[in-house]
Amino acid sequence: MNRKLEVVFGPSPWSVANLTKIPENFDYTKSDEPFLLVYRNYFKPDGTFVGPILVFATNEDLRQLFQPSGGAWLVDGTFKTKPYPYARIRGAQVVTFNTFHGIYPSRRMFRRLLCFLPSKCQDCYTCLLEWSFEAAVVDRGLDISRHGSITWSSLMCDFELGIHNAFVDFATNQLHIANLVVCITVQL
């Protein structure tokens, strides 16, 4: 499958240095909706370059993320498989932000953000949240900064303290969500 993809799109990048420009055909969906939300380099607080943060989402996905019918964000990470060049970076992470849609028994979960991170540290997750929110408001023009526009109040995630702490800090300090409920699931 990779060989077929490389015939159409060219070779996959094998290092972060090779990932300098996302091909234009990945900026938009087939229906010409913007898809690439964030493409910024992440540096540790000490200034050390770690790698790029990539976030993909459509405008409809962003609207559904900030106003989900189920009232919750479901965040999942720590996937065993990652695309190159992230597969070569120790500690790199693929993270998905999901929401429920519909009413039981036909309720379904939908991926709203697909994120590639070069690190699992809390600071990297904080940058991911800040840059995604900023891009949704500034670049995509979504009006989610006024009071009452964000309708979720809970987060479900696995036992990963980096995303948990970054999310709680971001939601309470920047989004001013006072009654945030965080449910951490532990996989046995």
Foldseek 3Di string as FASTA:
>chain_A
DQVVVCVVVNHDDQALVVPPDDDPVQQADPVRFGWWQDWAWDADPVGHTQHTKTKTAGLVLVLCLQAPPVQEKEKEKPDPDDDPPLVVQPAKMWMWIWGWHDDPPVIDIDTGMIMTGSHLALVRLLCVVVSNVCSSCPVVPDPCQDPPSGRHAEYEYEPRVSNVVSVVCCCCPPNVRDRHYYHYDYDD
